[in-house]
N, C-alpha and C. Protein backbone atom coordinates (compact mmCIF):
# COMPACT_ATOMS: atom_id res chain seq x y z
N MET A 1 0.75 -1.23 0.11
CA MET A 1 0.22 0.04 0.04
C MET A 1 0.79 1.02 -0.03
N LEU A 2 2.06 1.46 0.80
CA LEU A 2 2.94 2.17 0.34
C LEU A 2 3.62 2.59 -0.86
N VAL A 3 3.94 1.30 -1.49
CA VAL A 3 4.14 1.70 -2.73
C VAL A 3 3.44 2.50 -3.52
N GLN A 4 2.27 1.97 -3.48
CA GLN A 4 0.95 2.17 -4.52
C GLN A 4 0.87 4.02 -3.93
N ALA A 5 1.07 4.47 -3.12
CA ALA A 5 0.99 5.59 -2.43
C ALA A 5 1.75 6.59 -2.77
N LEU A 6 3.19 6.40 -2.83
CA LEU A 6 4.11 6.88 -3.18
C LEU A 6 4.89 6.94 -4.42
N VAL A 7 5.33 5.67 -4.95
CA VAL A 7 6.14 5.38 -5.97
C VAL A 7 5.66 5.86 -7.52
N PRO A 8 4.49 5.50 -7.69
CA PRO A 8 3.91 5.75 -8.84
C PRO A 8 4.12 7.28 -9.56
N GLN A 9 4.19 8.17 -8.65
CA GLN A 9 4.16 9.59 -8.89
C GLN A 9 5.54 9.99 -9.40
N HIS A 10 6.20 9.27 -8.64
CA HIS A 10 7.78 9.49 -8.54
C HIS A 10 8.06 8.64 -10.20
N ALA A 11 7.76 7.42 -10.30
CA ALA A 11 8.30 6.43 -11.51
C ALA A 11 7.46 7.11 -12.66
N SER A 12 6.67 7.72 -12.38
CA SER A 12 5.94 8.54 -13.83
C SER A 12 6.89 9.81 -14.42
N LYS A 13 7.48 10.47 -12.93
CA LYS A 13 8.19 11.55 -13.46
C LYS A 13 9.51 11.27 -14.02
N TYR A 14 9.89 10.14 -13.49
CA TYR A 14 11.36 9.47 -13.83
C TYR A 14 11.08 8.85 -15.08
N LEU A 15 10.24 7.78 -15.05
CA LEU A 15 10.13 6.96 -16.45
C LEU A 15 9.18 7.61 -17.43
N GLY A 16 8.21 8.31 -17.49
CA GLY A 16 7.09 8.65 -17.99
C GLY A 16 6.21 7.91 -17.75
N ASP A 17 5.05 7.99 -18.09
CA ASP A 17 3.69 7.07 -18.05
C ASP A 17 3.76 6.06 -18.58
N ARG A 18 4.17 6.04 -19.95
CA ARG A 18 4.35 4.78 -20.71
C ARG A 18 5.12 3.93 -20.33
N ASN A 19 6.41 4.30 -20.03
CA ASN A 19 7.24 3.34 -19.37
C ASN A 19 6.81 2.64 -18.21
N THR A 20 6.54 3.43 -17.41
CA THR A 20 6.07 3.13 -15.91
C THR A 20 4.53 2.21 -16.26
N VAL A 21 3.81 2.31 -17.19
CA VAL A 21 3.00 1.08 -17.18
C VAL A 21 3.66 -0.36 -17.74
N PHE A 22 4.75 0.03 -18.81
CA PHE A 22 5.36 -1.37 -19.03
C PHE A 22 6.15 -1.65 -17.77
N VAL A 23 6.72 -0.87 -17.50
CA VAL A 23 7.75 -1.86 -15.94
C VAL A 23 6.61 -2.15 -15.02
N GLY A 24 5.34 -1.67 -15.15
CA GLY A 24 4.12 -2.08 -14.10
C GLY A 24 4.11 -3.69 -14.31
N MET A 25 3.44 -3.72 -15.85
CA MET A 25 3.25 -4.85 -16.27
C MET A 25 4.14 -5.84 -16.56
N SER A 26 5.00 -5.79 -16.78
CA SER A 26 6.58 -6.57 -16.78
C SER A 26 6.66 -7.07 -15.34
N CYS A 27 6.68 -6.38 -14.28
CA CYS A 27 6.85 -6.62 -12.94
C CYS A 27 5.78 -7.88 -12.44
N THR A 28 4.81 -7.31 -12.96
CA THR A 28 3.53 -8.29 -12.58
C THR A 28 3.58 -9.71 -12.97
N CYS A 29 3.77 -9.09 -14.22
CA CYS A 29 4.05 -10.79 -15.16
C CYS A 29 5.00 -11.75 -14.74
N LEU A 30 6.05 -11.27 -14.26
CA LEU A 30 7.66 -11.87 -13.75
C LEU A 30 7.13 -12.42 -12.50
N ALA A 31 6.35 -11.41 -11.76
CA ALA A 31 5.93 -12.10 -10.33
C ALA A 31 5.01 -13.23 -10.53
N LEU A 32 3.90 -13.18 -11.03
CA LEU A 32 2.85 -14.18 -11.48
C LEU A 32 3.66 -15.53 -12.17
N GLY A 33 4.56 -15.40 -13.06
CA GLY A 33 5.17 -16.08 -13.34
C GLY A 33 6.26 -17.28 -12.81
N VAL A 34 6.68 -16.39 -11.90
CA VAL A 34 7.12 -17.08 -10.88
C VAL A 34 6.66 -17.73 -9.60
N MET A 35 5.48 -17.21 -9.42
CA MET A 35 4.25 -18.06 -8.59
C MET A 35 3.96 -19.05 -8.98
N ALA A 36 3.73 -18.97 -10.22
CA ALA A 36 3.23 -20.47 -11.19
C ALA A 36 4.26 -21.84 -10.77
N PHE A 37 5.39 -21.45 -10.33
CA PHE A 37 6.36 -22.44 -10.64
C PHE A 37 7.12 -22.37 -9.35
N ALA A 38 6.39 -21.83 -8.26
CA ALA A 38 7.03 -21.87 -6.95
C ALA A 38 6.54 -23.11 -6.34
N GLN A 39 7.66 -23.88 -5.75
CA GLN A 39 7.78 -25.06 -4.93
C GLN A 39 7.87 -24.98 -3.51
N GLN A 40 7.94 -23.61 -3.04
CA GLN A 40 8.54 -23.55 -1.64
C GLN A 40 7.84 -22.32 -1.37
N GLY A 41 7.09 -21.95 0.10
CA GLY A 41 6.39 -20.90 0.63
C GLY A 41 6.85 -19.66 0.38
N TRP A 42 8.18 -19.66 0.78
CA TRP A 42 9.14 -18.55 1.32
C TRP A 42 9.32 -17.58 -0.07
N ILE A 43 9.29 -18.31 -1.42
CA ILE A 43 9.39 -17.69 -2.63
C ILE A 43 8.03 -16.73 -2.56
N ILE A 44 6.95 -16.87 -2.25
CA ILE A 44 5.91 -15.85 -2.23
C ILE A 44 6.19 -14.54 -1.79
N PHE A 45 6.90 -14.54 -0.58
CA PHE A 45 7.56 -13.31 0.18
C PHE A 45 8.59 -13.02 -0.36
N ALA A 46 9.32 -13.72 -1.23
CA ALA A 46 10.43 -12.78 -1.74
C ALA A 46 10.25 -12.45 -3.12
N ILE A 47 9.05 -12.69 -3.62
CA ILE A 47 8.53 -11.71 -5.04
C ILE A 47 7.50 -10.94 -4.56
N MET A 48 7.02 -10.74 -3.34
CA MET A 48 6.25 -9.39 -2.72
C MET A 48 6.69 -7.98 -3.43
N PRO A 49 8.12 -7.71 -3.21
CA PRO A 49 8.50 -6.60 -3.92
C PRO A 49 7.77 -6.51 -5.33
N LEU A 50 8.08 -7.27 -6.52
CA LEU A 50 7.61 -7.48 -7.55
C LEU A 50 6.26 -7.09 -7.76
N PHE A 51 5.12 -7.78 -6.75
CA PHE A 51 4.28 -7.23 -7.08
C PHE A 51 3.58 -5.86 -6.79
N ALA A 52 4.32 -5.40 -5.55
CA ALA A 52 4.45 -4.18 -5.16
C ALA A 52 4.66 -2.99 -6.61
N ILE A 53 6.17 -3.19 -6.73
CA ILE A 53 6.34 -2.48 -8.15
C ILE A 53 5.31 -2.75 -9.25
N GLY A 54 4.98 -3.81 -9.37
CA GLY A 54 3.81 -4.20 -10.61
C GLY A 54 2.61 -2.96 -10.13
N SER A 55 2.49 -2.37 -9.17
CA SER A 55 1.30 -1.77 -8.99
C SER A 55 1.30 -0.61 -9.33
N ILE A 56 2.59 0.07 -9.80
CA ILE A 56 2.81 1.33 -10.16
C ILE A 56 2.33 1.54 -11.86
N GLY A 57 1.53 0.49 -12.72
CA GLY A 57 1.42 0.77 -13.79
C GLY A 57 0.06 1.22 -14.10
N THR A 58 -0.63 0.94 -12.93
CA THR A 58 -2.66 1.12 -13.02
C THR A 58 -2.63 2.53 -12.93
N PRO A 59 -2.08 3.55 -12.12
CA PRO A 59 -2.20 4.75 -11.94
C PRO A 59 -2.04 5.39 -13.48
N SER A 60 -0.63 5.06 -13.98
CA SER A 60 -0.26 5.70 -15.03
C SER A 60 -0.87 5.07 -16.35
N LEU A 61 -1.39 4.21 -16.37
CA LEU A 61 -2.38 3.83 -17.14
C LEU A 61 -3.66 4.38 -17.86
N GLN A 62 -4.23 4.53 -16.17
CA GLN A 62 -5.61 5.50 -16.35
C GLN A 62 -4.92 6.61 -16.49
N ALA A 63 -3.94 7.35 -16.33
CA ALA A 63 -3.84 8.94 -16.65
C ALA A 63 -3.53 8.97 -18.43
N LEU A 64 -2.90 7.88 -18.73
CA LEU A 64 -3.05 7.88 -20.30
C LEU A 64 -3.88 7.87 -20.92
N ALA A 65 -4.78 6.92 -20.68
CA ALA A 65 -6.13 6.68 -21.31
C ALA A 65 -6.84 7.80 -20.69
N SER A 66 -6.94 8.10 -20.05
CA SER A 66 -7.85 9.77 -19.33
C SER A 66 -7.38 10.98 -20.57
N GLN A 67 -6.16 10.91 -20.99
CA GLN A 67 -5.67 12.23 -21.86
C GLN A 67 -5.81 11.53 -22.89
N LYS A 68 -6.31 10.50 -23.60
CA LYS A 68 -6.78 10.46 -24.80
C LYS A 68 -8.45 10.48 -24.85
N VAL A 69 -8.92 11.17 -23.96
CA VAL A 69 -10.44 11.37 -24.20
C VAL A 69 -10.71 12.99 -23.70
N SER A 70 -11.87 13.55 -24.38
CA SER A 70 -11.74 15.10 -24.50
C SER A 70 -12.30 15.02 -22.99
N PRO A 71 -12.39 16.37 -22.60
CA PRO A 71 -12.49 16.66 -21.19
C PRO A 71 -13.79 16.69 -21.07
N GLU A 72 -14.92 17.15 -22.35
CA GLU A 72 -16.66 16.41 -22.41
C GLU A 72 -16.83 15.29 -21.71
N GLN A 73 -15.93 14.39 -22.25
CA GLN A 73 -16.36 12.86 -22.20
C GLN A 73 -15.57 12.36 -21.13
N GLN A 74 -15.04 13.07 -20.04
CA GLN A 74 -14.48 12.34 -19.32
C GLN A 74 -15.16 11.57 -18.30
N GLY A 75 -16.40 12.23 -17.92
CA GLY A 75 -17.15 11.36 -16.89
C GLY A 75 -18.00 10.38 -17.55
N GLN A 76 -18.20 9.96 -18.34
CA GLN A 76 -18.41 9.11 -19.73
C GLN A 76 -17.33 8.10 -19.54
N PHE A 77 -16.26 8.37 -19.82
CA PHE A 77 -14.88 7.51 -19.63
C PHE A 77 -14.76 6.64 -18.29
N GLN A 78 -14.91 7.60 -17.25
CA GLN A 78 -14.76 7.21 -15.99
C GLN A 78 -15.70 6.15 -15.48
N GLY A 79 -16.68 6.62 -15.99
CA GLY A 79 -18.00 5.41 -15.71
C GLY A 79 -17.68 4.04 -16.59
N ILE A 80 -17.41 4.34 -17.69
CA ILE A 80 -16.94 3.01 -18.11
C ILE A 80 -15.88 2.11 -17.68
N ILE A 81 -14.84 3.09 -17.24
CA ILE A 81 -13.69 2.36 -16.32
C ILE A 81 -14.31 1.85 -14.86
N ALA A 82 -15.30 2.13 -14.32
CA ALA A 82 -15.96 1.77 -13.19
C ALA A 82 -16.60 0.83 -13.56
N SER A 83 -17.56 0.55 -14.49
CA SER A 83 -18.16 -0.65 -14.99
C SER A 83 -17.61 -1.75 -15.04
N THR A 84 -16.45 -1.33 -15.96
CA THR A 84 -15.64 -2.50 -16.56
C THR A 84 -14.74 -3.36 -15.26
N ILE A 85 -14.68 -2.29 -14.29
CA ILE A 85 -14.20 -3.12 -13.07
C ILE A 85 -15.01 -3.72 -12.36
N SER A 86 -16.07 -3.30 -12.44
CA SER A 86 -17.23 -3.97 -11.87
C SER A 86 -17.64 -5.44 -12.30
N LEU A 87 -17.79 -5.00 -13.60
CA LEU A 87 -17.80 -6.39 -14.13
C LEU A 87 -16.76 -7.36 -13.96
N ALA A 88 -15.44 -7.14 -14.15
CA ALA A 88 -14.55 -8.01 -13.91
C ALA A 88 -14.51 -8.62 -12.78
N SER A 89 -15.22 -7.46 -11.31
CA SER A 89 -15.04 -7.95 -9.98
C SER A 89 -16.24 -9.46 -10.00
N MET A 90 -17.03 -9.03 -10.89
CA MET A 90 -18.36 -10.24 -10.82
C MET A 90 -17.91 -11.55 -11.50
N PHE A 91 -16.84 -11.37 -12.71
CA PHE A 91 -17.07 -12.46 -13.41
C PHE A 91 -15.71 -13.14 -13.13
N ALA A 92 -14.48 -12.65 -12.80
CA ALA A 92 -13.50 -13.28 -12.55
C ALA A 92 -13.44 -14.09 -11.61
N PRO A 93 -14.08 -13.98 -10.07
CA PRO A 93 -13.74 -15.01 -9.50
C PRO A 93 -15.07 -16.59 -9.79
N LEU A 94 -15.76 -15.97 -10.87
CA LEU A 94 -16.09 -17.53 -11.21
C LEU A 94 -15.51 -18.26 -12.06
N LEU A 95 -14.95 -17.34 -13.11
CA LEU A 95 -13.98 -17.93 -13.84
C LEU A 95 -12.58 -18.68 -13.58
N PHE A 96 -12.13 -18.04 -12.38
CA PHE A 96 -10.56 -18.29 -12.06
C PHE A 96 -11.11 -19.36 -10.79
N SER A 97 -12.22 -19.21 -10.47
CA SER A 97 -12.44 -20.31 -9.46
C SER A 97 -12.62 -21.48 -10.04
N THR A 98 -13.60 -21.71 -10.95
CA THR A 98 -13.50 -23.23 -12.08
C THR A 98 -12.25 -23.21 -12.92
N LEU A 99 -11.19 -22.54 -13.18
CA LEU A 99 -10.04 -22.91 -13.39
C LEU A 99 -9.15 -23.30 -12.57
N TYR A 100 -9.07 -22.92 -11.50
CA TYR A 100 -8.45 -23.11 -9.98
C TYR A 100 -9.13 -24.65 -9.76
N PHE A 101 -10.25 -24.93 -10.03
CA PHE A 101 -10.72 -26.22 -9.35
C PHE A 101 -10.35 -26.90 -10.65
N GLN A 102 -10.17 -27.01 -11.94
CA GLN A 102 -9.93 -27.71 -12.98
C GLN A 102 -8.65 -28.45 -12.84
N PHE A 103 -7.60 -27.34 -12.21
CA PHE A 103 -5.94 -27.93 -12.37
C PHE A 103 -5.43 -28.09 -10.78
N GLN A 104 -6.31 -27.66 -9.87
CA GLN A 104 -5.67 -27.78 -8.85
C GLN A 104 -5.02 -29.11 -8.23
N ALA A 105 -5.32 -30.45 -8.94
CA ALA A 105 -4.97 -31.42 -8.77
C ALA A 105 -3.53 -31.87 -9.77
N LYS A 106 -3.18 -31.19 -10.46
CA LYS A 106 -2.66 -31.41 -11.61
C LYS A 106 -1.33 -30.08 -10.85
N TRP A 107 -1.45 -29.18 -11.27
CA TRP A 107 -0.89 -27.88 -11.38
C TRP A 107 -1.23 -26.92 -10.84
N PRO A 108 -1.36 -26.53 -9.19
CA PRO A 108 -1.91 -25.46 -8.98
C PRO A 108 -1.53 -24.20 -9.09
N GLY A 109 -0.15 -24.33 -9.70
CA GLY A 109 0.10 -22.61 -10.28
C GLY A 109 -0.29 -22.19 -12.04
N ALA A 110 -1.20 -23.52 -12.17
CA ALA A 110 -1.98 -23.15 -13.64
C ALA A 110 -2.56 -21.52 -13.51
N ILE A 111 -3.29 -21.47 -12.59
CA ILE A 111 -4.14 -20.16 -12.17
C ILE A 111 -3.33 -19.01 -12.71
N TRP A 112 -2.18 -18.77 -11.93
CA TRP A 112 -1.32 -17.87 -11.81
C TRP A 112 -0.67 -17.71 -13.48
N LEU A 113 -0.45 -18.95 -13.94
CA LEU A 113 0.14 -18.85 -15.62
C LEU A 113 -1.43 -18.27 -16.23
N SER A 114 -2.18 -18.61 -16.04
CA SER A 114 -3.61 -17.98 -16.98
C SER A 114 -3.54 -16.62 -16.88
N VAL A 115 -3.04 -15.74 -15.71
CA VAL A 115 -3.30 -14.37 -15.64
C VAL A 115 -2.09 -13.68 -16.34
N VAL A 116 -0.94 -14.49 -16.40
CA VAL A 116 0.27 -14.06 -17.24
C VAL A 116 -0.27 -14.02 -18.65
N ILE A 117 -0.77 -14.77 -19.37
CA ILE A 117 -1.40 -15.19 -20.48
C ILE A 117 -2.37 -13.97 -20.87
N ILE A 118 -2.99 -13.60 -20.19
CA ILE A 118 -4.04 -12.40 -20.28
C ILE A 118 -3.46 -11.54 -20.29
N TYR A 119 -2.31 -11.00 -19.25
CA TYR A 119 -1.51 -9.68 -19.47
C TYR A 119 -0.87 -9.88 -20.89
N LEU A 120 -0.49 -11.03 -21.24
CA LEU A 120 0.54 -11.09 -22.42
C LEU A 120 -0.66 -10.66 -23.77
N LEU A 121 -1.76 -11.18 -23.65
CA LEU A 121 -2.56 -11.00 -24.57
C LEU A 121 -3.18 -9.57 -24.58
N ALA A 122 -3.05 -8.89 -23.57
CA ALA A 122 -3.69 -7.53 -23.61
C ALA A 122 -2.36 -6.53 -24.11
N LEU A 123 -1.05 -6.94 -24.10
CA LEU A 123 -0.15 -5.92 -24.15
C LEU A 123 0.05 -5.02 -25.59
N PRO A 124 -0.31 -5.94 -26.78
CA PRO A 124 -0.36 -5.35 -27.75
C PRO A 124 -1.59 -4.65 -27.89
N ILE A 125 -2.47 -4.64 -27.21
CA ILE A 125 -3.76 -3.69 -27.06
C ILE A 125 -3.11 -2.42 -26.47
N VAL A 126 -2.45 -2.58 -25.60
CA VAL A 126 -2.10 -1.41 -24.63
C VAL A 126 -0.73 -0.81 -25.28
N ILE A 127 -0.29 -1.57 -25.90
CA ILE A 127 1.00 -0.69 -26.92
C ILE A 127 0.17 0.09 -27.85
N ARG A 128 -0.54 -0.58 -28.60
CA ARG A 128 -1.41 0.37 -29.87
C ARG A 128 -2.21 1.51 -29.26
N SER A 129 -2.79 1.26 -28.26
CA SER A 129 -3.54 2.30 -27.73
C SER A 129 -2.85 3.46 -26.65
N LEU A 130 -1.44 3.20 -26.57
CA LEU A 130 -0.67 4.28 -25.80
C LEU A 130 0.61 4.91 -26.70
N LYS A 131 0.25 4.79 -27.94
CA LYS A 131 1.03 5.56 -28.90
C LYS A 131 1.32 6.94 -28.80
N PRO A 132 2.19 7.24 -28.45
CA PRO A 132 2.42 9.21 -28.01
C PRO A 132 1.60 10.03 -28.94
N ASN A 133 1.29 9.63 -30.17
CA ASN A 133 0.98 10.24 -31.26
C ASN A 133 -0.77 10.52 -31.13
N MET A 134 -1.45 9.72 -30.81
CA MET A 134 -2.87 9.96 -30.75
C MET A 134 -3.15 11.16 -30.14
N GLN A 135 -4.20 11.57 -30.49
CA GLN A 135 -4.75 12.59 -29.98
C GLN A 135 -6.26 12.72 -29.47
N PRO A 136 -6.59 13.55 -28.49
CA PRO A 136 -7.78 12.96 -27.63
C PRO A 136 -9.21 13.16 -28.83
N SER A 137 -10.10 12.15 -28.44
CA SER A 137 -10.99 12.38 -29.29
C SER A 137 -11.97 13.80 -28.62
N LYS A 138 -13.10 13.71 -30.22
CA LYS A 138 -13.65 15.02 -29.74
C LYS A 138 -14.98 14.72 -29.45
């Protein structure tokens, strides 16, 4: 929580919002990938800093996304973000608990690798949508 409060603004100033998003996504993917193959409990504690650093990308992603929308559409845009988060909060537990149930006996780490796959599928979309030359919509 301390990292989420203090680090994103400094990371954004130093790296820029776009690079901060990529650092955050990379750290999260790396941590989840390690977690997928972890054989001992102490590894989870060892990768906690990676998870913490991974959280710096979200504020930068939201800042960049809001810059792509005109001031007149900000309320609508924020509503779409809130709705998307709400839908994900409803359906993700159903999806991932089912996935975990299917794989827990053979490989409990599969659930974490599935999240990495989702991140990797989202990466081209993020890269394309965060091109610096895009102007806000009117």
